[in-house]
Amino acid sequence: MDPSDPDFKYLGVDRKALLKELANFDSKNVIWVEDEKEGYILADIKDTTGDTITVALKDGSVSIEKIFF
């Protein structure tokens, strides 16, 4: 493979960008929230108090009940 080929960018992975993106992700601070439009969306956990979890979505905040399986 020739790295100077213009189509190479679709085959190769920019490792610096990948590491930078992965550094921002922490699986202990995110949750999947059910959404009518998109099925499930990723949200950041902001606070856990009693039986509720406060999460931040793209468009604001919402509180949901804790559900343990």
N, C-alpha and C. Protein backbone atom coordinates (compact mmCIF):
# COMPACT_ATOMS: atom_id res chain seq x y z
N MET A 1 0.84 -1.18 0.00
CA MET A 1 0.00 0.00 0.00
C MET A 1 0.88 1.24 0.00
N ASP A 2 0.41 2.21 -0.72
CA ASP A 2 1.13 3.47 -0.82
C ASP A 2 0.42 4.53 0.03
N PRO A 3 1.03 5.00 1.12
CA PRO A 3 0.38 5.99 1.98
C PRO A 3 0.08 7.32 1.29
N SER A 4 0.73 7.59 0.15
CA SER A 4 0.46 8.84 -0.55
C SER A 4 -0.77 8.73 -1.46
N ASP A 5 -1.32 7.54 -1.61
CA ASP A 5 -2.53 7.34 -2.41
C ASP A 5 -3.70 8.07 -1.73
N PRO A 6 -4.48 8.88 -2.47
CA PRO A 6 -5.58 9.63 -1.85
C PRO A 6 -6.64 8.74 -1.18
N ASP A 7 -6.81 7.53 -1.67
CA ASP A 7 -7.80 6.63 -1.08
C ASP A 7 -7.29 5.93 0.17
N PHE A 8 -6.02 6.08 0.49
CA PHE A 8 -5.44 5.43 1.65
C PHE A 8 -6.06 5.92 2.95
N LYS A 9 -6.54 7.17 2.97
CA LYS A 9 -7.13 7.71 4.21
C LYS A 9 -8.37 6.94 4.63
N TYR A 10 -9.03 6.26 3.69
CA TYR A 10 -10.20 5.46 4.03
C TYR A 10 -9.83 4.07 4.54
N LEU A 11 -8.60 3.65 4.28
CA LEU A 11 -8.15 2.33 4.70
C LEU A 11 -7.33 2.38 5.99
N GLY A 12 -6.65 3.49 6.20
CA GLY A 12 -5.80 3.62 7.38
C GLY A 12 -6.53 4.27 8.54
N VAL A 13 -5.99 4.10 9.73
CA VAL A 13 -6.55 4.68 10.94
C VAL A 13 -5.56 5.70 11.49
N ASP A 14 -6.05 6.91 11.75
CA ASP A 14 -5.20 7.93 12.36
C ASP A 14 -5.12 7.62 13.85
N ARG A 15 -4.05 7.00 14.27
CA ARG A 15 -3.92 6.52 15.65
C ARG A 15 -3.93 7.67 16.67
N LYS A 16 -3.36 8.80 16.31
CA LYS A 16 -3.37 9.93 17.24
C LYS A 16 -4.79 10.42 17.49
N ALA A 17 -5.59 10.53 16.44
CA ALA A 17 -6.98 10.97 16.60
C ALA A 17 -7.79 9.93 17.36
N LEU A 18 -7.53 8.66 17.10
CA LEU A 18 -8.24 7.59 17.80
C LEU A 18 -7.93 7.60 19.30
N LEU A 19 -6.67 7.74 19.66
CA LEU A 19 -6.28 7.79 21.07
C LEU A 19 -6.85 9.01 21.77
N LYS A 20 -6.89 10.13 21.06
CA LYS A 20 -7.45 11.36 21.63
C LYS A 20 -8.95 11.19 21.90
N GLU A 21 -9.65 10.54 20.99
CA GLU A 21 -11.08 10.32 21.16
C GLU A 21 -11.36 9.32 22.28
N LEU A 22 -10.57 8.27 22.38
CA LEU A 22 -10.77 7.26 23.41
C LEU A 22 -10.44 7.79 24.80
N ALA A 23 -9.53 8.74 24.89
CA ALA A 23 -9.15 9.30 26.19
C ALA A 23 -10.32 10.04 26.83
N ASN A 24 -11.22 10.58 26.02
CA ASN A 24 -12.36 11.34 26.54
C ASN A 24 -13.50 10.44 27.00
N PHE A 25 -13.47 9.16 26.68
CA PHE A 25 -14.57 8.25 27.01
C PHE A 25 -14.30 7.54 28.32
N ASP A 26 -15.28 7.56 29.22
CA ASP A 26 -15.20 6.84 30.48
C ASP A 26 -16.51 6.09 30.67
N SER A 27 -16.45 4.77 30.60
CA SER A 27 -17.67 3.96 30.64
C SER A 27 -18.40 4.03 31.98
N LYS A 28 -17.76 4.55 33.01
CA LYS A 28 -18.41 4.67 34.32
C LYS A 28 -19.27 5.93 34.42
N ASN A 29 -19.14 6.83 33.46
CA ASN A 29 -19.87 8.10 33.51
C ASN A 29 -20.90 8.25 32.40
N VAL A 30 -21.20 7.19 31.67
CA VAL A 30 -22.18 7.27 30.59
C VAL A 30 -23.25 6.20 30.76
N ILE A 31 -24.39 6.44 30.15
CA ILE A 31 -25.51 5.51 30.22
C ILE A 31 -26.29 5.62 28.91
N TRP A 32 -26.92 4.52 28.52
CA TRP A 32 -27.81 4.54 27.36
C TRP A 32 -29.20 4.89 27.86
N VAL A 33 -29.83 5.89 27.25
CA VAL A 33 -31.16 6.34 27.64
C VAL A 33 -32.12 6.08 26.47
N GLU A 34 -33.29 5.51 26.81
CA GLU A 34 -34.28 5.22 25.78
C GLU A 34 -34.81 6.52 25.18
N ASP A 35 -34.93 6.54 23.86
CA ASP A 35 -35.40 7.71 23.13
C ASP A 35 -36.44 7.26 22.11
N GLU A 36 -37.57 7.95 22.05
CA GLU A 36 -38.63 7.57 21.11
C GLU A 36 -38.19 7.69 19.66
N LYS A 37 -37.41 8.71 19.38
CA LYS A 37 -37.02 8.99 18.00
C LYS A 37 -35.86 8.11 17.52
N GLU A 38 -34.83 7.95 18.35
CA GLU A 38 -33.61 7.27 17.92
C GLU A 38 -33.39 5.90 18.56
N GLY A 39 -34.30 5.45 19.38
CA GLY A 39 -34.13 4.16 20.06
C GLY A 39 -33.43 4.35 21.39
N TYR A 40 -32.12 4.45 21.35
CA TYR A 40 -31.32 4.74 22.55
C TYR A 40 -30.26 5.77 22.19
N ILE A 41 -29.98 6.67 23.13
CA ILE A 41 -28.94 7.67 22.93
C ILE A 41 -27.99 7.65 24.12
N LEU A 42 -26.78 8.05 23.89
CA LEU A 42 -25.75 8.09 24.93
C LEU A 42 -25.88 9.38 25.73
N ALA A 43 -25.83 9.27 27.06
CA ALA A 43 -25.95 10.43 27.93
C ALA A 43 -24.88 10.37 29.01
N ASP A 44 -24.46 11.53 29.48
CA ASP A 44 -23.47 11.63 30.55
C ASP A 44 -24.18 11.67 31.90
N ILE A 45 -23.72 10.85 32.85
CA ILE A 45 -24.29 10.85 34.21
C ILE A 45 -23.73 12.05 34.96
N LYS A 46 -24.63 12.89 35.46
CA LYS A 46 -24.21 14.08 36.20
C LYS A 46 -24.36 13.91 37.71
N ASP A 47 -25.41 13.17 38.14
CA ASP A 47 -25.65 13.02 39.58
C ASP A 47 -26.50 11.77 39.82
N THR A 48 -26.22 11.09 40.92
CA THR A 48 -27.05 9.96 41.35
C THR A 48 -27.49 10.24 42.78
N THR A 49 -28.80 10.40 42.98
CA THR A 49 -29.36 10.69 44.29
C THR A 49 -30.54 9.76 44.54
N GLY A 50 -30.46 8.95 45.58
CA GLY A 50 -31.56 8.05 45.89
C GLY A 50 -31.86 7.10 44.75
N ASP A 51 -33.10 7.16 44.26
CA ASP A 51 -33.53 6.28 43.18
C ASP A 51 -33.51 6.95 41.81
N THR A 52 -32.89 8.11 41.69
CA THR A 52 -32.87 8.78 40.40
C THR A 52 -31.44 9.04 39.94
N ILE A 53 -31.31 9.07 38.64
CA ILE A 53 -30.03 9.41 38.02
C ILE A 53 -30.29 10.63 37.15
N THR A 54 -29.51 11.68 37.32
CA THR A 54 -29.62 12.86 36.48
C THR A 54 -28.57 12.75 35.39
N VAL A 55 -29.04 12.82 34.15
CA VAL A 55 -28.13 12.68 33.02
C VAL A 55 -28.22 13.91 32.13
N ALA A 56 -27.14 14.20 31.41
CA ALA A 56 -27.12 15.32 30.48
C ALA A 56 -27.18 14.79 29.06
N LEU A 57 -28.17 15.25 28.33
CA LEU A 57 -28.34 14.89 26.93
C LEU A 57 -27.85 16.05 26.07
N LYS A 58 -27.88 15.88 24.77
CA LYS A 58 -27.48 16.95 23.86
C LYS A 58 -28.36 18.18 24.03
N ASP A 59 -29.65 17.95 24.31
CA ASP A 59 -30.60 19.06 24.37
C ASP A 59 -30.97 19.49 25.79
N GLY A 60 -30.29 18.99 26.83
CA GLY A 60 -30.60 19.38 28.20
C GLY A 60 -30.41 18.24 29.18
N SER A 61 -31.14 18.29 30.31
CA SER A 61 -31.02 17.25 31.34
C SER A 61 -32.36 16.57 31.56
N VAL A 62 -32.31 15.33 32.03
CA VAL A 62 -33.52 14.59 32.36
C VAL A 62 -33.19 13.65 33.51
N SER A 63 -34.15 13.40 34.40
CA SER A 63 -33.97 12.45 35.50
C SER A 63 -34.71 11.17 35.17
N ILE A 64 -34.08 10.04 35.43
CA ILE A 64 -34.72 8.75 35.20
C ILE A 64 -34.53 7.88 36.43
N GLU A 65 -35.42 6.90 36.61
CA GLU A 65 -35.31 6.00 37.75
C GLU A 65 -34.22 4.96 37.51
N LYS A 66 -33.56 4.57 38.60
CA LYS A 66 -32.58 3.49 38.50
C LYS A 66 -33.33 2.18 38.30
N ILE A 67 -32.84 1.36 37.41
CA ILE A 67 -33.43 0.05 37.19
C ILE A 67 -32.30 -0.97 37.28
N PHE A 68 -32.43 -1.90 38.19
CA PHE A 68 -31.42 -2.94 38.35
C PHE A 68 -32.00 -4.26 37.88
N PHE A 69 -31.23 -4.99 37.10
CA PHE A 69 -31.68 -6.28 36.59
C PHE A 69 -31.04 -7.40 37.35
